[in-house]
Structure formats: C-alpha cells, structure tokens
Amino acid sequence: MRVAGGEDASAMRLLPWSGTGGKPCYVVGDGTGYVSRAADDVEEIQLDMADELLGHAADLLAEADATAPQLHFLAARLSESLVQIKRVAESRGSRLEATLPRAEGGGMSPG
C-alpha cells in the first residue's frame, strides 16, 4: 500500500500523542527525523511516568486508610497512563510487524 508522496504505508508511525478531537497522529518516514526522535522521547517519558505511577499505586493500595477521593484520583491517573501505554504498544507493534517478512498471500506462514 502506498501513501501520498509514494512512500510505503509500513513506514507510518503512530505518534504517542493525539490530534484535535483525540484523533491519532502519524508520521511517515524512516524513523530518523525530528518528529520520530521527539516521539521516542515522549514515549520514554510516558513509560517512566507509568512506572512511577505503578509504584505510587502500590504504596497507596497498601494503606488500609486510603480515602475514596485518593483512590478515585489514582484510578483516573492509571486510566490516562494506560491509554498512553496502549498507544506506545500499538505503535511499536505496528513498526515491528512492518519489519517481519511476509509469506505468499500477504499473511505470515504458520509456525
């Protein structure tokens, strides 16, 4: 599949941020440009923040006296983080899939 400019669609990368209205953003290229490097940096920050949030969650959930507002706030932040990390996983999975050899007929051959 080709996209505008004649580039292969497999070179499309889902970016770790969304556009207007929450729509996904993509960059087309070989992964070495400014936007791709910025996306790498943002993904790293998102992964680090998720790790820190999990530590905070473990600490808060270990407390028997955590309040409902604290747990609500934690759940909201965990949900936001999960959306970000899911996008990172989808992006990386798509890029990995694009590097795998394809069998005849467009699908991968069984084991």
PDB file of N, CA and C in Angstrom:
ATOM      1  N   MET A   1       0.847  -1.186   0.000  1.00  0.00           N
ATOM      2  CA  MET A   1       0.000   0.000   0.000  1.00  0.00           C
ATOM      3  C   MET A   1       0.883   1.236   0.000  1.00  0.00           C
ATOM      4  N   ARG A   2       0.516   2.203  -0.823  1.00  0.00           N
ATOM      5  CA  ARG A   2       1.275   3.443  -0.933  1.00  0.00           C
ATOM      6  C   ARG A   2       0.459   4.589  -0.357  1.00  0.00           C
ATOM      7  N   VAL A   3       1.159   5.578   0.172  1.00  0.00           N
ATOM      8  CA  VAL A   3       0.503   6.780   0.662  1.00  0.00           C
ATOM      9  C   VAL A   3       0.990   7.954  -0.159  1.00  0.00           C
ATOM     10  N   ALA A   4       0.436   9.130   0.087  1.00  0.00           N
ATOM     11  CA  ALA A   4       0.820  10.327  -0.654  1.00  0.00           C
ATOM     12  C   ALA A   4       2.331  10.479  -0.676  1.00  0.00           C
ATOM     13  N   GLY A   5       2.869  10.829  -1.813  1.00  0.00           N
ATOM     14  CA  GLY A   5       4.312  11.003  -1.935  1.00  0.00           C
ATOM     15  C   GLY A   5       5.010   9.713  -2.335  1.00  0.00           C
ATOM     16  N   GLY A   6       4.257   8.616  -2.493  1.00  0.00           N
ATOM     17  CA  GLY A   6       4.838   7.374  -2.943  1.00  0.00           C
ATOM     18  C   GLY A   6       5.531   6.569  -1.855  1.00  0.00           C
ATOM     19  N   GLU A   7       5.404   6.976  -0.590  1.00  0.00           N
ATOM     20  CA  GLU A   7       6.067   6.242   0.483  1.00  0.00           C
ATOM     21  C   GLU A   7       5.246   5.025   0.866  1.00  0.00           C
ATOM     22  N   ASP A   8       5.921   3.985   1.342  1.00  0.00           N
ATOM     23  CA  ASP A   8       5.271   2.762   1.781  1.00  0.00           C
ATOM     24  C   ASP A   8       4.521   3.025   3.083  1.00  0.00           C
ATOM     25  N   ALA A   9       3.265   2.553   3.166  1.00  0.00           N
ATOM     26  CA  ALA A   9       2.456   2.778   4.369  1.00  0.00           C
ATOM     27  C   ALA A   9       3.064   2.101   5.587  1.00  0.00           C
ATOM     28  N   SER A  10       3.905   1.081   5.389  1.00  0.00           N
ATOM     29  CA  SER A  10       4.518   0.410   6.531  1.00  0.00           C
ATOM     30  C   SER A  10       5.465   1.345   7.271  1.00  0.00           C
ATOM     31  N   ALA A  11       5.844   2.467   6.638  1.00  0.00           N
ATOM     32  CA  ALA A  11       6.724   3.439   7.282  1.00  0.00           C
ATOM     33  C   ALA A  11       5.934   4.449   8.106  1.00  0.00           C
ATOM     34  N   MET A  12       4.603   4.266   8.202  1.00  0.00           N
ATOM     35  CA  MET A  12       3.794   5.155   9.019  1.00  0.00           C
ATOM     36  C   MET A  12       3.960   4.768  10.481  1.00  0.00           C
ATOM     37  N   ARG A  13       4.131   5.773  11.324  1.00  0.00           N
ATOM     38  CA  ARG A  13       4.295   5.532  12.755  1.00  0.00           C
ATOM     39  C   ARG A  13       3.200   6.260  13.518  1.00  0.00           C
ATOM     40  N   LEU A  14       2.493   5.525  14.367  1.00  0.00           N
ATOM     41  CA  LEU A  14       1.524   6.123  15.268  1.00  0.00           C
ATOM     42  C   LEU A  14       2.297   6.885  16.334  1.00  0.00           C
ATOM     43  N   LEU A  15       1.981   8.161  16.472  1.00  0.00           N
ATOM     44  CA  LEU A  15       2.701   9.000  17.438  1.00  0.00           C
ATOM     45  C   LEU A  15       2.083   8.885  18.822  1.00  0.00           C
ATOM     46  N   PRO A  16       2.861   9.143  19.867  1.00  0.00           N
ATOM     47  CA  PRO A  16       2.367   8.971  21.233  1.00  0.00           C
ATOM     48  C   PRO A  16       1.517  10.127  21.741  1.00  0.00           C
ATOM     49  N   TRP A  17       0.995  10.922  20.851  1.00  0.00           N
ATOM     50  CA  TRP A  17       0.069  11.992  21.227  1.00  0.00           C
ATOM     51  C   TRP A  17      -1.050  11.988  20.206  1.00  0.00           C
ATOM     52  N   SER A  18      -2.139  12.638  20.567  1.00  0.00           N
ATOM     53  CA  SER A  18      -3.276  12.676  19.654  1.00  0.00           C
ATOM     54  C   SER A  18      -3.480  14.091  19.146  1.00  0.00           C
ATOM     55  N   GLY A  19      -4.240  14.177  18.067  1.00  0.00           N
ATOM     56  CA  GLY A  19      -4.521  15.464  17.461  1.00  0.00           C
ATOM     57  C   GLY A  19      -5.852  16.009  17.936  1.00  0.00           C
ATOM     58  N   THR A  20      -6.375  16.951  17.198  1.00  0.00           N
ATOM     59  CA  THR A  20      -7.645  17.590  17.507  1.00  0.00           C
ATOM     60  C   THR A  20      -8.743  16.538  17.627  1.00  0.00           C
ATOM     61  N   GLY A  21      -9.508  16.626  18.684  1.00  0.00           N
ATOM     62  CA  GLY A  21     -10.602  15.691  18.890  1.00  0.00           C
ATOM     63  C   GLY A  21     -10.155  14.296  19.277  1.00  0.00           C
ATOM     64  N   GLY A  22      -8.902  14.152  19.690  1.00  0.00           N
ATOM     65  CA  GLY A  22      -8.401  12.843  20.101  1.00  0.00           C
ATOM     66  C   GLY A  22      -8.040  11.920  18.954  1.00  0.00           C
ATOM     67  N   LYS A  23      -8.007  12.465  17.740  1.00  0.00           N
ATOM     68  CA  LYS A  23      -7.678  11.638  16.574  1.00  0.00           C
ATOM     69  C   LYS A  23      -6.201  11.256  16.596  1.00  0.00           C
ATOM     70  N   PRO A  24      -5.873  10.042  16.116  1.00  0.00           N
ATOM     71  CA  PRO A  24      -4.474   9.617  16.111  1.00  0.00           C
ATOM     72  C   PRO A  24      -3.639  10.463  15.153  1.00  0.00           C
ATOM     73  N   CYS A  25      -2.377  10.631  15.504  1.00  0.00           N
ATOM     74  CA  CYS A  25      -1.422  11.340  14.659  1.00  0.00           C
ATOM     75  C   CYS A  25      -0.372  10.346  14.170  1.00  0.00           C
ATOM     76  N   TYR A  26       0.065  10.533  12.941  1.00  0.00           N
ATOM     77  CA  TYR A  26       1.069   9.650  12.348  1.00  0.00           C
ATOM     78  C   TYR A  26       2.176  10.491  11.742  1.00  0.00           C
ATOM     79  N   VAL A  27       3.338   9.869  11.613  1.00  0.00           N
ATOM     80  CA  VAL A  27       4.425  10.449  10.853  1.00  0.00           C
ATOM     81  C   VAL A  27       4.860   9.394   9.842  1.00  0.00           C
ATOM     82  N   VAL A  28       5.204   9.835   8.650  1.00  0.00           N
ATOM     83  CA  VAL A  28       5.682   8.939   7.612  1.00  0.00           C
ATOM     84  C   VAL A  28       7.157   9.239   7.398  1.00  0.00           C
ATOM     85  N   GLY A  29       7.965   8.212   7.455  1.00  0.00           N
ATOM     86  CA  GLY A  29       9.395   8.394   7.249  1.00  0.00           C
ATOM     87  C   GLY A  29      10.166   7.164   7.648  1.00  0.00           C
ATOM     88  N   ASP A  30      11.467   7.327   7.724  1.00  0.00           N
ATOM     89  CA  ASP A  30      12.336   6.191   8.033  1.00  0.00           C
ATOM     90  C   ASP A  30      12.663   6.078   9.517  1.00  0.00           C
ATOM     91  N   GLY A  31      12.069   6.940  10.343  1.00  0.00           N
ATOM     92  CA  GLY A  31      12.275   6.857  11.785  1.00  0.00           C
ATOM     93  C   GLY A  31      13.471   7.617  12.303  1.00  0.00           C
ATOM     94  N   THR A  32      14.107   8.411  11.441  1.00  0.00           N
ATOM     95  CA  THR A  32      15.306   9.136  11.873  1.00  0.00           C
ATOM     96  C   THR A  32      15.101  10.645  11.937  1.00  0.00           C
ATOM     97  N   GLY A  33      13.918  11.117  11.578  1.00  0.00           N
ATOM     98  CA  GLY A  33      13.664  12.550  11.536  1.00  0.00           C
ATOM     99  C   GLY A  33      13.360  13.151  12.899  1.00  0.00           C
ATOM    100  N   TYR A  34      13.192  14.461  12.896  1.00  0.00           N
ATOM    101  CA  TYR A  34      12.937  15.209  14.129  1.00  0.00           C
ATOM    102  C   TYR A  34      11.691  14.720  14.850  1.00  0.00           C
ATOM    103  N   VAL A  35      10.582  14.531  14.121  1.00  0.00           N
ATOM    104  CA  VAL A  35       9.326  14.126  14.750  1.00  0.00           C
ATOM    105  C   VAL A  35       9.463  12.722  15.343  1.00  0.00           C
ATOM    106  N   SER A  36      10.132  11.830  14.653  1.00  0.00           N
ATOM    107  CA  SER A  36      10.341  10.477  15.176  1.00  0.00           C
ATOM    108  C   SER A  36      11.193  10.502  16.442  1.00  0.00           C
ATOM    109  N   ARG A  37      12.217  11.330  16.455  1.00  0.00           N
ATOM    110  CA  ARG A  37      13.056  11.440  17.665  1.00  0.00           C
ATOM    111  C   ARG A  37      12.263  12.046  18.821  1.00  0.00           C
ATOM    112  N   ALA A  38      11.432  13.046  18.531  1.00  0.00           N
ATOM    113  CA  ALA A  38      10.581  13.639  19.573  1.00  0.00           C
ATOM    114  C   ALA A  38       9.600  12.594  20.100  1.00  0.00           C
ATOM    115  N   ALA A  39       9.051  11.774  19.206  1.00  0.00           N
ATOM    116  CA  ALA A  39       8.126  10.713  19.620  1.00  0.00           C
ATOM    117  C   ALA A  39       8.839   9.699  20.515  1.00  0.00           C
ATOM    118  N   ASP A  40      10.077   9.357  20.180  1.00  0.00           N
ATOM    119  CA  ASP A  40      10.860   8.450  21.028  1.00  0.00           C
ATOM    120  C   ASP A  40      11.009   9.027  22.427  1.00  0.00           C
ATOM    121  N   ASP A  41      11.309  10.315  22.507  1.00  0.00           N
ATOM    122  CA  ASP A  41      11.477  10.977  23.815  1.00  0.00           C
ATOM    123  C   ASP A  41      10.172  10.977  24.606  1.00  0.00           C
ATOM    124  N   VAL A  42       9.059  11.270  23.940  1.00  0.00           N
ATOM    125  CA  VAL A  42       7.760  11.302  24.616  1.00  0.00           C
ATOM    126  C   VAL A  42       7.391   9.898  25.100  1.00  0.00           C
ATOM    127  N   GLU A  43       7.622   8.881  24.266  1.00  0.00           N
ATOM    128  CA  GLU A  43       7.336   7.506  24.682  1.00  0.00           C
ATOM    129  C   GLU A  43       8.143   7.135  25.923  1.00  0.00           C
ATOM    130  N   GLU A  44       9.405   7.514  25.951  1.00  0.00           N
ATOM    131  CA  GLU A  44      10.253   7.219  27.107  1.00  0.00           C
ATOM    132  C   GLU A  44       9.701   7.889  28.369  1.00  0.00           C
ATOM    133  N   ILE A  45       9.290   9.132  28.236  1.00  0.00           N
ATOM    134  CA  ILE A  45       8.705   9.856  29.374  1.00  0.00           C
ATOM    135  C   ILE A  45       7.422   9.162  29.832  1.00  0.00           C
ATOM    136  N   GLN A  46       6.570   8.777  28.885  1.00  0.00           N
ATOM    137  CA  GLN A  46       5.313   8.118  29.233  1.00  0.00           C
ATOM    138  C   GLN A  46       5.561   6.793  29.954  1.00  0.00           C
ATOM    139  N   LEU A  47       6.525   6.023  29.488  1.00  0.00           N
ATOM    140  CA  LEU A  47       6.843   4.754  30.139  1.00  0.00           C
ATOM    141  C   LEU A  47       7.402   4.975  31.538  1.00  0.00           C
ATOM    142  N   ASP A  48       8.264   5.962  31.698  1.00  0.00           N
ATOM    143  CA  ASP A  48       8.816   6.281  33.020  1.00  0.00           C
ATOM    144  C   ASP A  48       7.713   6.740  33.976  1.00  0.00           C
ATOM    145  N   MET A  49       6.814   7.574  33.480  1.00  0.00           N
ATOM    146  CA  MET A  49       5.715   8.063  34.318  1.00  0.00           C
ATOM    147  C   MET A  49       4.798   6.912  34.732  1.00  0.00           C
ATOM    148  N   ALA A  50       4.537   5.976  33.823  1.00  0.00           N
ATOM    149  CA  ALA A  50       3.704   4.821  34.145  1.00  0.00           C
ATOM    150  C   ALA A  50       4.363   3.981  35.237  1.00  0.00           C
ATOM    151  N   ASP A  51       5.671   3.813  35.147  1.00  0.00           N
ATOM    152  CA  ASP A  51       6.397   3.049  36.156  1.00  0.00           C
ATOM    153  C   ASP A  51       6.296   3.721  37.524  1.00  0.00           C
ATOM    154  N   GLU A  52       6.481   5.032  37.554  1.00  0.00           N
ATOM    155  CA  GLU A  52       6.356   5.776  38.813  1.00  0.00           C
ATOM    156  C   GLU A  52       4.930   5.700  39.359  1.00  0.00           C
ATOM    157  N   LEU A  53       3.951   5.772  38.475  1.00  0.00           N
ATOM    158  CA  LEU A  53       2.556   5.700  38.893  1.00  0.00           C
ATOM    159  C   LEU A  53       2.241   4.336  39.500  1.00  0.00           C
ATOM    160  N   LEU A  54       2.786   3.273  38.924  1.00  0.00           N
ATOM    161  CA  LEU A  54       2.565   1.943  39.487  1.00  0.00           C
ATOM    162  C   LEU A  54       3.152   1.838  40.893  1.00  0.00           C
ATOM    163  N   GLY A  55       4.301   2.459  41.107  1.00  0.00           N
ATOM    164  CA  GLY A  55       4.885   2.485  42.447  1.00  0.00           C
ATOM    165  C   GLY A  55       3.997   3.229  43.425  1.00  0.00           C
ATOM    166  N   HIS A  56       3.475   4.355  42.981  1.00  0.00           N
ATOM    167  CA  HIS A  56       2.554   5.137  43.828  1.00  0.00           C
ATOM    168  C   HIS A  56       1.294   4.330  44.123  1.00  0.00           C
ATOM    169  N   ALA A  57       0.783   3.632  43.114  1.00  0.00           N
ATOM    170  CA  ALA A  57      -0.424   2.820  43.307  1.00  0.00           C
ATOM    171  C   ALA A  57      -0.171   1.722  44.336  1.00  0.00           C
ATOM    172  N   ALA A  58       0.963   1.066  44.239  1.00  0.00           N
ATOM    173  CA  ALA A  58       1.290   0.005  45.199  1.00  0.00           C
ATOM    174  C   ALA A  58       1.341   0.557  46.621  1.00  0.00           C
ATOM    175  N   ASP A  59       1.961   1.722  46.777  1.00  0.00           N
ATOM    176  CA  ASP A  59       2.046   2.345  48.102  1.00  0.00           C
ATOM    177  C   ASP A  59       0.659   2.709  48.634  1.00  0.00           C
ATOM    178  N   LEU A  60      -0.153   3.345  47.788  1.00  0.00           N
ATOM    179  CA  LEU A  60      -1.478   3.781  48.225  1.00  0.00           C
ATOM    180  C   LEU A  60      -2.376   2.598  48.550  1.00  0.00           C
ATOM    181  N   LEU A  61      -2.323   1.565  47.723  1.00  0.00           N
ATOM    182  CA  LEU A  61      -3.185   0.407  47.944  1.00  0.00           C
ATOM    183  C   LEU A  61      -2.741  -0.422  49.144  1.00  0.00           C
ATOM    184  N   ALA A  62      -1.499  -0.262  49.556  1.00  0.00           N
ATOM    185  CA  ALA A  62      -1.009  -0.963  50.744  1.00  0.00           C
ATOM    186  C   ALA A  62      -1.529  -0.315  52.026  1.00  0.00           C
ATOM    187  N   GLU A  63      -1.992   0.936  51.926  1.00  0.00           N
ATOM    188  CA  GLU A  63      -2.535   1.648  53.080  1.00  0.00           C
ATOM    189  C   GLU A  63      -3.986   1.244  53.298  1.00  0.00           C
ATOM    190  N   ALA A  64      -4.310   0.868  54.503  1.00  0.00           N
ATOM    191  CA  ALA A  64      -5.683   0.468  54.810  1.00  0.00           C
ATOM    192  C   ALA A  64      -6.620   1.672  54.887  1.00  0.00           C
ATOM    193  N   ASP A  65      -6.047   2.869  55.067  1.00  0.00           N
ATOM    194  CA  ASP A  65      -6.895   4.046  55.255  1.00  0.00           C
ATOM    195  C   ASP A  65      -6.930   4.972  54.039  1.00  0.00           C
ATOM    196  N   ALA A  66      -6.675   4.430  52.846  1.00  0.00           N
ATOM    197  CA  ALA A  66      -6.769   5.252  51.631  1.00  0.00           C
ATOM    198  C   ALA A  66      -8.217   5.703  51.462  1.00  0.00           C
ATOM    199  N   THR A  67      -8.392   6.984  51.142  1.00  0.00           N
ATOM    200  CA  THR A  67      -9.742   7.544  51.033  1.00  0.00           C
ATOM    201  C   THR A  67     -10.316   7.334  49.633  1.00  0.00           C
ATOM    202  N   ALA A  68     -11.612   7.464  49.525  1.00  0.00           N
ATOM    203  CA  ALA A  68     -12.279   7.340  48.221  1.00  0.00           C
ATOM    204  C   ALA A  68     -11.749   8.376  47.224  1.00  0.00           C
ATOM    205  N   PRO A  69     -11.580   9.651  47.620  1.00  0.00           N
ATOM    206  CA  PRO A  69     -11.027  10.614  46.656  1.00  0.00           C
ATOM    207  C   PRO A  69      -9.606  10.247  46.206  1.00  0.00           C
ATOM    208  N   GLN A  70      -8.790   9.728  47.121  1.00  0.00           N
ATOM    209  CA  GLN A  70      -7.441   9.305  46.733  1.00  0.00           C
ATOM    210  C   GLN A  70      -7.500   8.161  45.727  1.00  0.00           C
ATOM    211  N   LEU A  71      -8.366   7.196  45.979  1.00  0.00           N
ATOM    212  CA  LEU A  71      -8.495   6.050  45.077  1.00  0.00           C
ATOM    213  C   LEU A  71      -9.085   6.471  43.733  1.00  0.00           C
ATOM    214  N   HIS A  72     -10.019   7.424  43.755  1.00  0.00           N
ATOM    215  CA  HIS A  72     -10.590   7.942  42.512  1.00  0.00           C
ATOM    216  C   HIS A  72      -9.507   8.632  41.686  1.00  0.00           C
ATOM    217  N   PHE A  73      -8.711   9.463  42.340  1.00  0.00           N
ATOM    218  CA  PHE A  73      -7.624  10.164  41.654  1.00  0.00           C
ATOM    219  C   PHE A  73      -6.634   9.155  41.067  1.00  0.00           C
ATOM    220  N   LEU A  74      -6.286   8.137  41.853  1.00  0.00           N
ATOM    221  CA  LEU A  74      -5.367   7.103  41.380  1.00  0.00           C
ATOM    222  C   LEU A  74      -5.941   6.387  40.157  1.00  0.00           C
ATOM    223  N   ALA A  75      -7.208   6.011  40.221  1.00  0.00           N
ATOM    224  CA  ALA A  75      -7.836   5.310  39.102  1.00  0.00           C
ATOM    225  C   ALA A  75      -7.839   6.173  37.839  1.00  0.00           C
ATOM    226  N   ALA A  76      -8.086   7.460  37.990  1.00  0.00           N
ATOM    227  CA  ALA A  76      -8.089   8.365  36.835  1.00  0.00           C
ATOM    228  C   ALA A  76      -6.701   8.452  36.208  1.00  0.00           C
ATOM    229  N   ARG A  77      -5.676   8.584  37.045  1.00  0.00           N
ATOM    230  CA  ARG A  77      -4.306   8.671  36.522  1.00  0.00           C
ATOM    231  C   ARG A  77      -3.876   7.346  35.885  1.00  0.00           C
ATOM    232  N   LEU A  78      -4.267   6.214  36.500  1.00  0.00           N
ATOM    233  CA  LEU A  78      -3.941   4.905  35.916  1.00  0.00           C
ATOM    234  C   LEU A  78      -4.620   4.735  34.564  1.00  0.00           C
ATOM    235  N   SER A  79      -5.850   5.209  34.450  1.00  0.00           N
ATOM    236  CA  SER A  79      -6.573   5.124  33.178  1.00  0.00           C
ATOM    237  C   SER A  79      -5.883   5.956  32.101  1.00  0.00           C
ATOM    238  N   GLU A  80      -5.496   7.176  32.444  1.00  0.00           N
ATOM    239  CA  GLU A  80      -4.778   8.037  31.495  1.00  0.00           C
ATOM    240  C   GLU A  80      -3.474   7.375  31.053  1.00  0.00           C
ATOM    241  N   SER A  81      -2.759   6.833  32.008  1.00  0.00           N
ATOM    242  CA  SER A  81      -1.484   6.191  31.704  1.00  0.00           C
ATOM    243  C   SER A  81      -1.684   4.969  30.813  1.00  0.00           C
ATOM    244  N   LEU A  82      -2.725   4.199  31.088  1.00  0.00           N
ATOM    245  CA  LEU A  82      -2.991   3.014  30.286  1.00  0.00           C
ATOM    246  C   LEU A  82      -3.283   3.375  28.831  1.00  0.00           C
ATOM    247  N   VAL A  83      -4.006   4.447  28.611  1.00  0.00           N
ATOM    248  CA  VAL A  83      -4.276   4.915  27.243  1.00  0.00           C
ATOM    249  C   VAL A  83      -2.956   5.238  26.541  1.00  0.00           C
ATOM    250  N   GLN A  84      -2.063   5.937  27.234  1.00  0.00           N
ATOM    251  CA  GLN A  84      -0.773   6.305  26.653  1.00  0.00           C
ATOM    252  C   GLN A  84       0.070   5.073  26.343  1.00  0.00           C
ATOM    253  N   ILE A  85       0.145   4.150  27.289  1.00  0.00           N
ATOM    254  CA  ILE A  85       0.982   2.972  27.112  1.00  0.00           C
ATOM    255  C   ILE A  85       0.412   2.050  26.043  1.00  0.00           C
ATOM    256  N   LYS A  86      -0.916   1.992  25.942  1.00  0.00           N
ATOM    257  CA  LYS A  86      -1.542   1.210  24.874  1.00  0.00           C
ATOM    258  C   LYS A  86      -1.151   1.773  23.511  1.00  0.00           C
ATOM    259  N   ARG A  87      -1.126   3.100  23.388  1.00  0.00           N
ATOM    260  CA  ARG A  87      -0.739   3.728  22.135  1.00  0.00           C
ATOM    261  C   ARG A  87       0.725   3.420  21.809  1.00  0.00           C
ATOM    262  N   VAL A  88       1.596   3.460  22.817  1.00  0.00           N
ATOM    263  CA  VAL A  88       3.004   3.117  22.610  1.00  0.00           C
ATOM    264  C   VAL A  88       3.120   1.668  22.117  1.00  0.00           C
ATOM    265  N   ALA A  89       2.387   0.761  22.762  1.00  0.00           N
ATOM    266  CA  ALA A  89       2.439  -0.648  22.376  1.00  0.00           C
ATOM    267  C   ALA A  89       1.928  -0.854  20.946  1.00  0.00           C
ATOM    268  N   GLU A  90       0.828  -0.183  20.590  1.00  0.00           N
ATOM    269  CA  GLU A  90       0.299  -0.296  19.227  1.00  0.00           C
ATOM    270  C   GLU A  90       1.308   0.223  18.215  1.00  0.00           C
ATOM    271  N   SER A  91       1.923   1.350  18.517  1.00  0.00           N
ATOM    272  CA  SER A  91       2.905   1.936  17.614  1.00  0.00           C
ATOM    273  C   SER A  91       4.095   1.004  17.421  1.00  0.00           C
ATOM    274  N   ARG A  92       4.619   0.506  18.516  1.00  0.00           N
ATOM    275  CA  ARG A  92       5.792  -0.369  18.433  1.00  0.00           C
ATOM    276  C   ARG A  92       5.440  -1.692  17.776  1.00  0.00           C
ATOM    277  N   GLY A  93       4.248  -2.211  18.060  1.00  0.00           N
ATOM    278  CA  GLY A  93       3.817  -3.455  17.430  1.00  0.00           C
ATOM    279  C   GLY A  93       3.680  -3.304  15.924  1.00  0.00           C
ATOM    280  N   SER A  94       3.114  -2.190  15.491  1.00  0.00           N
ATOM    281  CA  SER A  94       2.967  -1.939  14.049  1.00  0.00           C
ATOM    282  C   SER A  94       4.317  -1.828  13.369  1.00  0.00           C
ATOM    283  N   ARG A  95       5.246  -1.136  14.028  1.00  0.00           N
ATOM    284  CA  ARG A  95       6.575  -0.997  13.430  1.00  0.00           C
ATOM    285  C   ARG A  95       7.308  -2.333  13.401  1.00  0.00           C
ATOM    286  N   LEU A  96       7.124  -3.152  14.414  1.00  0.00           N
ATOM    287  CA  LEU A  96       7.743  -4.474  14.431  1.00  0.00           C
ATOM    288  C   LEU A  96       7.142  -5.345  13.340  1.00  0.00           C
ATOM    289  N   GLU A  97       5.816  -5.314  13.224  1.00  0.00           N
ATOM    290  CA  GLU A  97       5.129  -6.096  12.203  1.00  0.00           C
ATOM    291  C   GLU A  97       5.596  -5.716  10.800  1.00  0.00           C
ATOM    292  N   ALA A  98       5.860  -4.428  10.593  1.00  0.00           N
ATOM    293  CA  ALA A  98       6.297  -3.957   9.280  1.00  0.00           C
ATOM    294  C   ALA A  98       7.674  -4.497   8.912  1.00  0.00           C
ATOM    295  N   THR A  99       8.459  -4.913   9.904  1.00  0.00           N
ATOM    296  CA  THR A  99       9.803  -5.433   9.618  1.00  0.00           C
ATOM    297  C   THR A  99       9.818  -6.933   9.384  1.00  0.00           C
ATOM    298  N   LEU A 100       8.714  -7.630   9.713  1.00  0.00           N
ATOM    299  CA  LEU A 100       8.659  -9.081   9.569  1.00  0.00           C
ATOM    300  C   LEU A 100       8.441  -9.457   8.112  1.00  0.00           C
ATOM    301  N   PRO A 101       9.088 -10.541   7.669  1.00  0.00           N
ATOM    302  CA  PRO A 101       8.870 -10.984   6.284  1.00  0.00           C
ATOM    303  C   PRO A 101       7.448 -11.498   6.103  1.00  0.00           C
ATOM    304  N   ARG A 102       6.898 -11.240   4.943  1.00  0.00           N
ATOM    305  CA  ARG A 102       5.532 -11.682   4.644  1.00  0.00           C
ATOM    306  C   ARG A 102       5.587 -12.918   3.779  1.00  0.00           C
ATOM    307  N   ALA A 103       4.719 -13.893   4.073  1.00  0.00           N
ATOM    308  CA  ALA A 103       4.603 -15.101   3.264  1.00  0.00           C
ATOM    309  C   ALA A 103       3.735 -14.810   2.053  1.00  0.00           C
ATOM    310  N   GLU A 104       3.736 -15.708   1.054  1.00  0.00           N
ATOM    311  CA  GLU A 104       2.878 -15.560  -0.112  1.00  0.00           C
ATOM    312  C   GLU A 104       1.429 -15.410   0.322  1.00  0.00           C
ATOM    313  N   GLY A 105       0.675 -14.590  -0.320  1.00  0.00           N
ATOM    314  CA  GLY A 105      -0.733 -14.372   0.018  1.00  0.00           C
ATOM    315  C   GLY A 105      -0.932 -13.260   1.019  1.00  0.00           C
ATOM    316  N   GLY A 106       0.156 -12.605   1.459  1.00  0.00           N
ATOM    317  CA  GLY A 106       0.036 -11.453   2.326  1.00  0.00           C
ATOM    318  C   GLY A 106       0.013 -11.760   3.808  1.00  0.00           C
ATOM    319  N   GLY A 107      -0.108 -13.022   4.205  1.00  0.00           N
ATOM    320  CA  GLY A 107      -0.122 -13.360   5.620  1.00  0.00           C
ATOM    321  C   GLY A 107       1.158 -14.030   6.029  1.00  0.00           C
ATOM    322  N   MET A 108       1.327 -14.232   7.309  1.00  0.00           N
ATOM    323  CA  MET A 108       2.507 -14.922   7.803  1.00  0.00           C
ATOM    324  C   MET A 108       2.233 -16.423   7.732  1.00  0.00           C
ATOM    325  N   SER A 109       3.255 -17.202   7.451  1.00  0.00           N
ATOM    326  CA  SER A 109       3.082 -18.650   7.401  1.00  0.00           C
ATOM    327  C   SER A 109       3.054 -19.223   8.802  1.00  0.00           C
ATOM    328  N   PRO A 110       2.280 -20.288   9.025  1.00  0.00           N
ATOM    329  CA  PRO A 110       2.219 -20.875  10.361  1.00  0.00           C
ATOM    330  C   PRO A 110       3.553 -21.496  10.750  1.00  0.00           C
ATOM    331  N   GLY A 111       3.837 -21.407  12.041  1.00  0.00           N
ATOM    332  CA  GLY A 111       4.998 -21.894  12.739  1.00  0.00           C
ATOM    333  C   GLY A 111       5.940 -22.650  11.984  1.00  0.00           C
TER     334      GLY A 111
END
